PDB file of N, CA and C in Angstrom:
ATOM      1  N   UNK A   1      58.649  -8.665 -18.072  1.00  0.00           N
ATOM      2  CA  UNK A   1      57.615  -8.670 -18.048  1.00  0.00           C
ATOM      3  C   UNK A   1      56.914  -8.390 -19.345  1.00  0.00           C
ATOM      4  N   UNK A   2      55.988  -8.658 -19.884  1.00  0.00           N
ATOM      5  CA  UNK A   2      55.189  -8.162 -20.696  1.00  0.00           C
ATOM      6  C   UNK A   2      53.582  -7.548 -20.494  1.00  0.00           C
ATOM      7  N   UNK A   3      54.364  -6.575 -21.056  1.00  0.00           N
ATOM      8  CA  UNK A   3      52.793  -5.826 -21.226  1.00  0.00           C
ATOM      9  C   UNK A   3      51.804  -6.090 -22.187  1.00  0.00           C
ATOM     10  N   UNK A   4      51.768  -7.102 -22.847  1.00  0.00           N
ATOM     11  CA  UNK A   4      50.947  -7.626 -23.897  1.00  0.00           C
ATOM     12  C   UNK A   4      49.420  -8.310 -23.540  1.00  0.00           C
ATOM     13  N   UNK A   5      48.628  -7.887 -23.885  1.00  0.00           N
ATOM     14  CA  UNK A   5      47.254  -8.062 -23.480  1.00  0.00           C
ATOM     15  C   UNK A   5      46.753  -7.030 -22.550  1.00  0.00           C
ATOM     16  N   UNK A   6      47.670  -6.008 -21.935  1.00  0.00           N
ATOM     17  CA  UNK A   6      47.019  -4.794 -20.926  1.00  0.00           C
ATOM     18  C   UNK A   6      46.279  -4.267 -21.302  1.00  0.00           C
ATOM     19  N   UNK A   7      46.591  -3.746 -22.749  1.00  0.00           N
ATOM     20  CA  UNK A   7      46.052  -2.684 -23.376  1.00  0.00           C
ATOM     21  C   UNK A   7      44.354  -3.275 -23.613  1.00  0.00           C
ATOM     22  N   UNK A   8      43.778  -1.803 -23.106  1.00  0.00           N
ATOM     23  CA  UNK A   8      42.487  -2.438 -23.615  1.00  0.00           C
ATOM     24  C   UNK A   8      41.165  -2.949 -22.599  1.00  0.00           C
ATOM     25  N   UNK A   9      42.250  -3.263 -21.462  1.00  0.00           N
ATOM     26  CA  UNK A   9      41.538  -4.122 -20.743  1.00  0.00           C
ATOM     27  C   UNK A   9      41.074  -3.358 -20.078  1.00  0.00           C
ATOM     28  N   UNK A  10      39.586  -3.921 -19.085  1.00  0.00           N
ATOM     29  CA  UNK A  10      39.188  -2.436 -17.701  1.00  0.00           C
ATOM     30  C   UNK A  10      40.082  -3.158 -16.673  1.00  0.00           C
ATOM     31  N   UNK A  11      40.498  -1.474 -15.635  1.00  0.00           N
ATOM     32  CA  UNK A  11      41.110  -2.388 -14.858  1.00  0.00           C
ATOM     33  C   UNK A  11      40.398  -3.027 -13.350  1.00  0.00           C
ATOM     34  N   UNK A  12      40.879  -4.037 -13.190  1.00  0.00           N
ATOM     35  CA  UNK A  12      39.914  -5.029 -12.075  1.00  0.00           C
ATOM     36  C   UNK A  12      39.293  -3.926 -11.269  1.00  0.00           C
ATOM     37  N   UNK A  13      38.487  -4.521 -10.518  1.00  0.00           N
ATOM     38  CA  UNK A  13      37.535  -3.100  -9.451  1.00  0.00           C
ATOM     39  C   UNK A  13      38.006  -3.509  -8.282  1.00  0.00           C
ATOM     40  N   UNK A  14      38.487  -2.422  -7.194  1.00  0.00           N
ATOM     41  CA  UNK A  14      39.109  -3.002  -6.252  1.00  0.00           C
ATOM     42  C   UNK A  14      37.595  -3.654  -5.196  1.00  0.00           C
ATOM     43  N   UNK A  15      38.204  -4.346  -4.472  1.00  0.00           N
ATOM     44  CA  UNK A  15      37.368  -5.380  -3.222  1.00  0.00           C
ATOM     45  C   UNK A  15      36.670  -3.987  -3.098  1.00  0.00           C
ATOM     46  N   UNK A  16      36.452  -2.870  -2.248  1.00  0.00           N
ATOM     47  CA  UNK A  16      35.601  -1.731  -1.835  1.00  0.00           C
ATOM     48  C   UNK A  16      34.194  -1.438  -2.777  1.00  0.00           C
ATOM     49  N   UNK A  17      34.830  -1.199  -4.381  1.00  0.00           N
ATOM     50  CA  UNK A  17      33.784  -0.640  -4.991  1.00  0.00           C
ATOM     51  C   UNK A  17      33.267  -2.142  -5.489  1.00  0.00           C
ATOM     52  N   UNK A  18      33.567  -3.062  -5.450  1.00  0.00           N
ATOM     53  CA  UNK A  18      33.084  -4.480  -5.304  1.00  0.00           C
ATOM     54  C   UNK A  18      31.484  -4.397  -4.575  1.00  0.00           C
ATOM     55  N   UNK A  19      31.939  -4.169  -3.212  1.00  0.00           N
ATOM     56  CA  UNK A  19      30.868  -4.418  -2.110  1.00  0.00           C
ATOM     57  C   UNK A  19      30.031  -2.897  -2.173  1.00  0.00           C
ATOM     58  N   UNK A  20      30.235  -1.974  -2.742  1.00  0.00           N
ATOM     59  CA  UNK A  20      29.598  -0.772  -2.835  1.00  0.00           C
ATOM     60  C   UNK A  20      28.270  -1.425  -4.307  1.00  0.00           C
ATOM     61  N   UNK A  21      29.220  -2.180  -5.743  1.00  0.00           N
ATOM     62  CA  UNK A  21      28.020  -2.523  -6.414  1.00  0.00           C
ATOM     63  C   UNK A  21      27.303  -3.520  -5.653  1.00  0.00           C
ATOM     64  N   UNK A  22      27.521  -4.561  -5.464  1.00  0.00           N
ATOM     65  CA  UNK A  22      26.400  -5.484  -4.358  1.00  0.00           C
ATOM     66  C   UNK A  22      25.719  -4.687  -3.399  1.00  0.00           C
ATOM     67  N   UNK A  23      25.765  -3.884  -2.647  1.00  0.00           N
ATOM     68  CA  UNK A  23      25.015  -3.169  -1.278  1.00  0.00           C
ATOM     69  C   UNK A  23      23.991  -2.210  -2.354  1.00  0.00           C
ATOM     70  N   UNK A  24      24.272  -1.606  -3.220  1.00  0.00           N
ATOM     71  CA  UNK A  24      22.912  -0.599  -4.068  1.00  0.00           C
ATOM     72  C   UNK A  24      21.895  -1.346  -4.309  1.00  0.00           C
ATOM     73  N   UNK A  25      22.210  -2.300  -5.146  1.00  0.00           N
ATOM     74  CA  UNK A  25      20.480  -3.532  -5.293  1.00  0.00           C
ATOM     75  C   UNK A  25      19.960  -3.443  -4.003  1.00  0.00           C
ATOM     76  N   UNK A  26      20.249  -4.049  -2.980  1.00  0.00           N
ATOM     77  CA  UNK A  26      20.048  -4.179  -1.129  1.00  0.00           C
ATOM     78  C   UNK A  26      19.165  -3.410  -0.827  1.00  0.00           C
ATOM     79  N   UNK A  27      20.380  -1.700  -1.233  1.00  0.00           N
ATOM     80  CA  UNK A  27      19.836  -0.354  -0.583  1.00  0.00           C
ATOM     81  C   UNK A  27      18.361   0.211  -1.405  1.00  0.00           C
ATOM     82  N   UNK A  28      18.596  -0.528  -2.731  1.00  0.00           N
ATOM     83  CA  UNK A  28      17.413  -0.162  -3.342  1.00  0.00           C
ATOM     84  C   UNK A  28      15.725  -1.016  -2.706  1.00  0.00           C
ATOM     85  N   UNK A  29      16.039  -1.895  -2.884  1.00  0.00           N
ATOM     86  CA  UNK A  29      15.034  -2.978  -2.327  1.00  0.00           C
ATOM     87  C   UNK A  29      15.022  -2.558  -0.768  1.00  0.00           C
ATOM     88  N   UNK A  30      15.453  -1.894   0.339  1.00  0.00           N
ATOM     89  CA  UNK A  30      15.056  -1.642   1.091  1.00  0.00           C
ATOM     90  C   UNK A  30      14.664  -0.607   1.323  1.00  0.00           C
ATOM     91  N   UNK A  31      15.154   0.183   0.339  1.00  0.00           N
ATOM     92  CA  UNK A  31      13.933   1.681   0.076  1.00  0.00           C
ATOM     93  C   UNK A  31      12.820   1.435  -0.091  1.00  0.00           C
ATOM     94  N   UNK A  32      12.440   0.257  -0.703  1.00  0.00           N
ATOM     95  CA  UNK A  32      11.498   0.368  -1.701  1.00  0.00           C
ATOM     96  C   UNK A  32      10.338   0.011  -0.279  1.00  0.00           C
ATOM     97  N   UNK A  33      10.934  -0.936   0.134  1.00  0.00           N
ATOM     98  CA  UNK A  33      10.135  -2.211   1.316  1.00  0.00           C
ATOM     99  C   UNK A  33       9.529  -0.899   2.065  1.00  0.00           C
ATOM    100  N   UNK A  34      10.682  -0.157   2.573  1.00  0.00           N
ATOM    101  CA  UNK A  34      10.127   1.206   3.462  1.00  0.00           C
ATOM    102  C   UNK A  34       9.565   2.044   2.922  1.00  0.00           C
ATOM    103  N   UNK A  35       9.260   2.372   1.433  1.00  0.00           N
ATOM    104  CA  UNK A  35       8.035   3.520   1.263  1.00  0.00           C
ATOM    105  C   UNK A  35       6.989   2.946   0.880  1.00  0.00           C
ATOM    106  N   UNK A  36       6.717   1.539   0.729  1.00  0.00           N
ATOM    107  CA  UNK A  36       5.864   0.497   0.744  1.00  0.00           C
ATOM    108  C   UNK A  36       5.085   0.658   2.448  1.00  0.00           C
ATOM    109  N   UNK A  37       5.994   0.382   3.104  1.00  0.00           N
ATOM    110  CA  UNK A  37       5.008   0.489   4.641  1.00  0.00           C
ATOM    111  C   UNK A  37       5.002   1.955   4.890  1.00  0.00           C
ATOM    112  N   UNK A  38       5.219   3.289   4.620  1.00  0.00           N
ATOM    113  CA  UNK A  38       4.956   4.533   4.782  1.00  0.00           C
ATOM    114  C   UNK A  38       3.842   5.184   4.426  1.00  0.00           C
ATOM    115  N   UNK A  39       3.564   4.364   3.040  1.00  0.00           N
ATOM    116  CA  UNK A  39       2.074   4.726   2.286  1.00  0.00           C
ATOM    117  C   UNK A  39       1.225   3.940   3.298  1.00  0.00           C
ATOM    118  N   UNK A  40       1.250   3.100   3.852  1.00  0.00           N
ATOM    119  CA  UNK A  40      -0.176   2.368   4.848  1.00  0.00           C
ATOM    120  C   UNK A  40      -0.346   1.169   3.698  1.00  0.00           C
ATOM    121  N   UNK A  41       0.514   0.635   3.408  1.00  0.00           N
ATOM    122  CA  UNK A  41       0.418  -0.802   2.321  1.00  0.00           C
ATOM    123  C   UNK A  41      -1.121  -0.404   1.377  1.00  0.00           C
ATOM    124  N   UNK A  42      -0.752   0.945   0.929  1.00  0.00           N
ATOM    125  CA  UNK A  42      -2.311   0.765   0.050  1.00  0.00           C
ATOM    126  C   UNK A  42      -3.865   0.601   0.663  1.00  0.00           C
ATOM    127  N   UNK A  43      -3.891   0.908   2.273  1.00  0.00           N
ATOM    128  CA  UNK A  43      -4.820   0.854   2.890  1.00  0.00           C
ATOM    129  C   UNK A  43      -5.582   2.366   2.457  1.00  0.00           C
ATOM    130  N   UNK A  44      -7.201   2.411   2.453  1.00  0.00           N
ATOM    131  CA  UNK A  44      -8.236   3.236   2.398  1.00  0.00           C
ATOM    132  C   UNK A  44      -8.204   3.716   3.897  1.00  0.00           C
ATOM    133  N   UNK A  45      -8.628   5.109   4.311  1.00  0.00           N
ATOM    134  CA  UNK A  45      -9.223   6.027   5.400  1.00  0.00           C
ATOM    135  C   UNK A  45      -9.727   4.981   5.763  1.00  0.00           C
ATOM    136  N   UNK A  46     -10.792   4.135   4.944  1.00  0.00           N
ATOM    137  CA  UNK A  46     -11.863   3.842   6.306  1.00  0.00           C
ATOM    138  C   UNK A  46     -11.254   2.429   6.683  1.00  0.00           C
ATOM    139  N   UNK A  47     -10.448   1.846   6.111  1.00  0.00           N
ATOM    140  CA  UNK A  47      -9.310   0.542   6.348  1.00  0.00           C
ATOM    141  C   UNK A  47      -9.182   1.151   7.809  1.00  0.00           C
ATOM    142  N   UNK A  48      -8.274   1.713   7.708  1.00  0.00           N
ATOM    143  CA  UNK A  48      -7.178   2.530   8.642  1.00  0.00           C
ATOM    144  C   UNK A  48      -8.170   3.371   9.687  1.00  0.00           C
ATOM    145  N   UNK A  49      -9.264   3.501   9.735  1.00  0.00           N
ATOM    146  CA  UNK A  49      -9.994   3.689  10.868  1.00  0.00           C
ATOM    147  C   UNK A  49     -10.859   2.546  11.743  1.00  0.00           C
ATOM    148  N   UNK A  50     -11.308   1.365  10.818  1.00  0.00           N
ATOM    149  CA  UNK A  50     -11.528   0.509  11.169  1.00  0.00           C
ATOM    150  C   UNK A  50     -10.379  -0.042  12.339  1.00  0.00           C
ATOM    151  N   UNK A  51      -9.613   0.001  11.828  1.00  0.00           N
ATOM    152  CA  UNK A  51      -8.249  -0.827  12.452  1.00  0.00           C
ATOM    153  C   UNK A  51      -8.033  -0.229  13.342  1.00  0.00           C
ATOM    154  N   UNK A  52      -7.937   1.368  13.395  1.00  0.00           N
ATOM    155  CA  UNK A  52      -7.851   1.979  14.853  1.00  0.00           C
ATOM    156  C   UNK A  52      -8.521   1.523  15.573  1.00  0.00           C
ATOM    157  N   UNK A  53     -10.244   1.558  14.978  1.00  0.00           N
ATOM    158  CA  UNK A  53     -11.018   1.590  16.098  1.00  0.00           C
ATOM    159  C   UNK A  53     -11.157   0.204  16.844  1.00  0.00           C
ATOM    160  N   UNK A  54     -10.728  -0.992  16.081  1.00  0.00           N
ATOM    161  CA  UNK A  54     -10.679  -2.536  16.615  1.00  0.00           C
ATOM    162  C   UNK A  54      -9.911  -2.553  17.705  1.00  0.00           C
ATOM    163  N   UNK A  55      -8.435  -1.696  17.292  1.00  0.00           N
ATOM    164  CA  UNK A  55      -7.267  -1.881  18.113  1.00  0.00           C
ATOM    165  C   UNK A  55      -7.611  -1.401  19.432  1.00  0.00           C
ATOM    166  N   UNK A  56      -8.622   0.002  19.428  1.00  0.00           N
ATOM    167  CA  UNK A  56      -8.625   0.566  20.896  1.00  0.00           C
ATOM    168  C   UNK A  56      -9.784   0.077  21.429  1.00  0.00           C
ATOM    169  N   UNK A  57     -10.826  -0.529  20.853  1.00  0.00           N
ATOM    170  CA  UNK A  57     -11.898  -1.645  21.234  1.00  0.00           C
ATOM    171  C   UNK A  57     -11.202  -2.589  22.132  1.00  0.00           C
ATOM    172  N   UNK A  58      -9.901  -3.216  21.882  1.00  0.00           N
ATOM    173  CA  UNK A  58      -9.274  -4.420  21.742  1.00  0.00           C
ATOM    174  C   UNK A  58      -8.361  -3.935  23.501  1.00  0.00           C
ATOM    175  N   UNK A  59      -8.172  -2.661  23.540  1.00  0.00           N
ATOM    176  CA  UNK A  59      -7.397  -2.001  24.476  1.00  0.00           C
ATOM    177  C   UNK A  59      -8.321  -2.031  25.771  1.00  0.00           C
ATOM    178  N   UNK A  60      -9.610  -1.366  25.156  1.00  0.00           N
ATOM    179  CA  UNK A  60     -10.105  -1.415  26.456  1.00  0.00           C
ATOM    180  C   UNK A  60     -10.400  -2.232  26.792  1.00  0.00           C
ATOM    181  N   UNK A  61     -11.132  -3.341  26.319  1.00  0.00           N
ATOM    182  CA  UNK A  61     -11.585  -4.817  27.071  1.00  0.00           C
ATOM    183  C   UNK A  61     -10.089  -5.330  28.157  1.00  0.00           C
ATOM    184  N   UNK A  62      -9.041  -4.952  27.443  1.00  0.00           N
ATOM    185  CA  UNK A  62      -7.698  -5.480  28.098  1.00  0.00           C
ATOM    186  C   UNK A  62      -7.555  -4.552  29.363  1.00  0.00           C
ATOM    187  N   UNK A  63      -7.862  -3.330  29.297  1.00  0.00           N
ATOM    188  CA  UNK A  63      -7.633  -2.177  30.439  1.00  0.00           C
ATOM    189  C   UNK A  63      -9.028  -2.731  31.554  1.00  0.00           C
ATOM    190  N   UNK A  64     -10.165  -3.192  30.965  1.00  0.00           N
ATOM    191  CA  UNK A  64     -11.290  -3.702  31.795  1.00  0.00           C
ATOM    192  C   UNK A  64     -10.659  -4.729  32.772  1.00  0.00           C
ATOM    193  N   UNK A  65     -10.836  -5.944  31.926  1.00  0.00           N
ATOM    194  CA  UNK A  65     -10.285  -7.183  32.606  1.00  0.00           C
ATOM    195  C   UNK A  65      -9.398  -7.093  33.624  1.00  0.00           C
ATOM    196  N   UNK A  66      -8.238  -5.976  32.976  1.00  0.00           N
ATOM    197  CA  UNK A  66      -7.167  -5.876  34.193  1.00  0.00           C
ATOM    198  C   UNK A  66      -7.643  -5.169  35.449  1.00  0.00           C
ATOM    199  N   UNK A  67      -8.587  -3.775  35.240  1.00  0.00           N
ATOM    200  CA  UNK A  67      -8.817  -3.499  36.579  1.00  0.00           C
ATOM    201  C   UNK A  67      -9.904  -4.643  37.274  1.00  0.00           C
ATOM    202  N   UNK A  68     -10.676  -5.344  36.748  1.00  0.00           N
ATOM    203  CA  UNK A  68     -11.515  -6.955  37.216  1.00  0.00           C
ATOM    204  C   UNK A  68     -11.078  -7.582  37.960  1.00  0.00           C
ATOM    205  N   UNK A  69      -9.334  -7.429  37.625  1.00  0.00           N
ATOM    206  CA  UNK A  69      -8.635  -8.683  38.707  1.00  0.00           C
ATOM    207  C   UNK A  69      -7.895  -7.952  39.610  1.00  0.00           C
ATOM    208  N   UNK A  70      -7.649  -6.894  40.004  1.00  0.00           N
ATOM    209  CA  UNK A  70      -6.925  -6.133  40.919  1.00  0.00           C
ATOM    210  C   UNK A  70      -7.822  -5.919  42.054  1.00  0.00           C
ATOM    211  N   UNK A  71      -7.515  -6.527  43.320  1.00  0.00           N
ATOM    212  CA  UNK A  71      -8.465  -6.693  44.054  1.00  0.00           C
ATOM    213  C   UNK A  71      -8.094  -4.908  44.863  1.00  0.00           C
ATOM    214  N   UNK A  72      -9.063  -4.415  45.582  1.00  0.00           N
ATOM    215  CA  UNK A  72      -9.728  -3.407  46.081  1.00  0.00           C
ATOM    216  C   UNK A  72      -8.184  -3.385  47.616  1.00  0.00           C
ATOM    217  N   UNK A  73      -7.728  -4.335  48.448  1.00  0.00           N
ATOM    218  CA  UNK A  73      -6.613  -4.526  49.242  1.00  0.00           C
ATOM    219  C   UNK A  73      -5.284  -4.482  48.742  1.00  0.00           C
ATOM    220  N   UNK A  74      -5.119  -4.375  47.222  1.00  0.00           N
ATOM    221  CA  UNK A  74      -3.782  -4.588  46.376  1.00  0.00           C
ATOM    222  C   UNK A  74      -3.239  -3.421  45.648  1.00  0.00           C
ATOM    223  N   UNK A  75      -4.851  -2.876  45.085  1.00  0.00           N
ATOM    224  CA  UNK A  75      -4.881  -1.852  43.844  1.00  0.00           C
ATOM    225  C   UNK A  75      -4.025  -0.549  44.533  1.00  0.00           C
ATOM    226  N   UNK A  76      -3.416   0.491  43.748  1.00  0.00           N
ATOM    227  CA  UNK A  76      -2.582   1.788  44.464  1.00  0.00           C
ATOM    228  C   UNK A  76      -3.893   2.362  43.316  1.00  0.00           C
ATOM    229  N   UNK A  77      -3.675   3.494  43.748  1.00  0.00           N
ATOM    230  CA  UNK A  77      -4.449   4.458  42.983  1.00  0.00           C
ATOM    231  C   UNK A  77      -3.845   4.718  41.288  1.00  0.00           C
ATOM    232  N   UNK A  78      -2.318   5.315  41.301  1.00  0.00           N
ATOM    233  CA  UNK A  78      -1.674   5.200  40.182  1.00  0.00           C
ATOM    234  C   UNK A  78      -2.104   3.789  39.234  1.00  0.00           C
ATOM    235  N   UNK A  79      -1.688   2.834  39.675  1.00  0.00           N
ATOM    236  CA  UNK A  79      -2.116   2.059  38.655  1.00  0.00           C
ATOM    237  C   UNK A  79      -3.601   1.880  38.397  1.00  0.00           C
ATOM    238  N   UNK A  80      -4.875   2.231  39.202  1.00  0.00           N
ATOM    239  CA  UNK A  80      -6.032   2.380  38.449  1.00  0.00           C
ATOM    240  C   UNK A  80      -6.099   3.495  37.663  1.00  0.00           C
ATOM    241  N   UNK A  81      -5.039   4.463  38.077  1.00  0.00           N
ATOM    242  CA  UNK A  81      -5.836   6.107  37.265  1.00  0.00           C
ATOM    243  C   UNK A  81      -5.313   5.536  35.861  1.00  0.00           C
ATOM    244  N   UNK A  82      -3.724   5.011  35.737  1.00  0.00           N
ATOM    245  CA  UNK A  82      -3.278   4.076  34.578  1.00  0.00           C
ATOM    246  C   UNK A  82      -4.100   3.398  33.562  1.00  0.00           C
ATOM    247  N   UNK A  83      -4.747   2.966  34.210  1.00  0.00           N
ATOM    248  CA  UNK A  83      -5.838   1.944  33.515  1.00  0.00           C
ATOM    249  C   UNK A  83      -7.014   2.827  32.726  1.00  0.00           C
ATOM    250  N   UNK A  84      -7.887   3.583  33.847  1.00  0.00           N
ATOM    251  CA  UNK A  84      -8.433   4.668  33.532  1.00  0.00           C
ATOM    252  C   UNK A  84      -8.089   5.532  32.355  1.00  0.00           C
ATOM    253  N   UNK A  85      -6.659   6.175  32.679  1.00  0.00           N
ATOM    254  CA  UNK A  85      -6.734   7.305  31.581  1.00  0.00           C
ATOM    255  C   UNK A  85      -6.321   6.139  29.865  1.00  0.00           C
ATOM    256  N   UNK A  86      -5.770   5.467  29.895  1.00  0.00           N
ATOM    257  CA  UNK A  86      -5.837   4.904  29.105  1.00  0.00           C
ATOM    258  C   UNK A  86      -7.323   4.293  28.321  1.00  0.00           C
ATOM    259  N   UNK A  87      -8.368   3.816  29.044  1.00  0.00           N
ATOM    260  CA  UNK A  87      -9.276   3.665  28.412  1.00  0.00           C
ATOM    261  C   UNK A  87     -10.182   5.220  27.918  1.00  0.00           C
ATOM    262  N   UNK A  88      -9.827   6.456  28.769  1.00  0.00           N
ATOM    263  CA  UNK A  88      -9.766   7.653  27.845  1.00  0.00           C
ATOM    264  C   UNK A  88      -9.103   7.790  26.794  1.00  0.00           C
ATOM    265  N   UNK A  89      -8.116   7.446  26.451  1.00  0.00           N
ATOM    266  CA  UNK A  89      -7.151   8.025  25.187  1.00  0.00           C
ATOM    267  C   UNK A  89      -7.754   6.709  24.379  1.00  0.00           C
ATOM    268  N   UNK A  90      -8.294   5.639  24.610  1.00  0.00           N
ATOM    269  CA  UNK A  90      -8.443   4.627  23.815  1.00  0.00           C
ATOM    270  C   UNK A  90     -10.015   5.410  22.753  1.00  0.00           C
ATOM    271  N   UNK A  91     -10.910   5.866  23.961  1.00  0.00           N
ATOM    272  CA  UNK A  91     -11.980   6.827  23.847  1.00  0.00           C
ATOM    273  C   UNK A  91     -11.953   7.662  22.641  1.00  0.00           C
ATOM    274  N   UNK A  92     -11.263   8.299  22.950  1.00  0.00           N
ATOM    275  CA  UNK A  92     -10.501   9.676  22.184  1.00  0.00           C
ATOM    276  C   UNK A  92     -10.129   9.172  21.022  1.00  0.00           C
ATOM    277  N   UNK A  93      -9.377   7.904  20.630  1.00  0.00           N
ATOM    278  CA  UNK A  93      -8.889   7.227  19.384  1.00  0.00           C
ATOM    279  C   UNK A  93     -10.075   6.600  18.903  1.00  0.00           C
ATOM    280  N   UNK A  94     -11.195   6.341  19.124  1.00  0.00           N
ATOM    281  CA  UNK A  94     -12.468   5.949  18.214  1.00  0.00           C
ATOM    282  C   UNK A  94     -13.263   7.200  18.034  1.00  0.00           C
ATOM    283  N   UNK A  95     -13.583   7.776  19.030  1.00  0.00           N
ATOM    284  CA  UNK A  95     -14.197   9.194  18.377  1.00  0.00           C
ATOM    285  C   UNK A  95     -13.281  10.000  17.269  1.00  0.00           C
ATOM    286  N   UNK A  96     -12.238   9.696  17.219  1.00  0.00           N
ATOM    287  CA  UNK A  96     -11.557  10.799  16.144  1.00  0.00           C
ATOM    288  C   UNK A  96     -11.645   9.635  14.750  1.00  0.00           C
ATOM    289  N   UNK A  97     -11.642   8.270  14.764  1.00  0.00           N
ATOM    290  CA  UNK A  97     -11.449   7.413  13.450  1.00  0.00           C
ATOM    291  C   UNK A  97     -13.245   7.813  12.985  1.00  0.00           C
ATOM    292  N   UNK A  98     -13.830   8.083  14.488  1.00  0.00           N
ATOM    293  CA  UNK A  98     -15.296   7.941  13.638  1.00  0.00           C
ATOM    294  C   UNK A  98     -15.713   8.492  11.954  1.00  0.00           C
ATOM    295  N   UNK A  99     -14.805   9.531  11.980  1.00  0.00           N
ATOM    296  CA  UNK A  99     -15.252  10.468  10.845  1.00  0.00           C
ATOM    297  C   UNK A  99     -15.047   9.657   9.483  1.00  0.00           C
ATOM    298  N   UNK A 100     -14.330   8.562   9.664  1.00  0.00           N
ATOM    299  CA  UNK A 100     -13.456   7.996   8.564  1.00  0.00           C
ATOM    300  C   UNK A 100     -13.937   6.870   8.191  1.00  0.00           C
ATOM    301  N   UNK A 101     -14.933   6.176   9.191  1.00  0.00           N
ATOM    302  CA  UNK A 101     -15.549   5.217   9.463  1.00  0.00           C
ATOM    303  C   UNK A 101     -16.690   5.029   8.333  1.00  0.00           C
ATOM    304  N   UNK A 102     -16.586   3.488   7.665  1.00  0.00           N
ATOM    305  CA  UNK A 102     -17.767   3.400   6.414  1.00  0.00           C
ATOM    306  C   UNK A 102     -19.156   3.957   7.465  1.00  0.00           C
ATOM    307  N   UNK A 103     -20.590   4.350   6.734  1.00  0.00           N
ATOM    308  CA  UNK A 103     -21.434   4.990   7.732  1.00  0.00           C
ATOM    309  C   UNK A 103     -22.547   4.133   8.624  1.00  0.00           C
ATOM    310  N   UNK A 104     -22.218   2.533   8.089  1.00  0.00           N
ATOM    311  CA  UNK A 104     -23.102   1.532   8.531  1.00  0.00           C
ATOM    312  C   UNK A 104     -21.940   1.842  10.005  1.00  0.00           C
ATOM    313  N   UNK A 105     -20.790   1.617   9.917  1.00  0.00           N
ATOM    314  CA  UNK A 105     -20.277   1.684  11.005  1.00  0.00           C
ATOM    315  C   UNK A 105     -20.403   2.603  12.227  1.00  0.00           C
ATOM    316  N   UNK A 106     -20.117   3.713  11.742  1.00  0.00           N
ATOM    317  CA  UNK A 106     -20.373   5.141  12.876  1.00  0.00           C
ATOM    318  C   UNK A 106     -21.720   4.951  13.918  1.00  0.00           C
TER     319      UNK A 106
END
């Protein structure tokens, strides 16, 4: 066996190390994407408040539609209470977002 040319050469990476080196860029991209999502995508408080109010209004409309479709003979008190409680919660959400809305939308 000849050891000629073996000196001065870096030892080959073991397969696990190669996998780790491939995984690092993927991890960095995933971490960056998560950081962007957690910052609210750069939305202002006014934009976030507007989305919150619009979502709550949509939920209220949906709950009212559900209440309209429930016939009195089939309706249960817990079912009605759930929808009404949801409407109250949505109204609270609107009220808490009101301070961050543009003056024209308050």
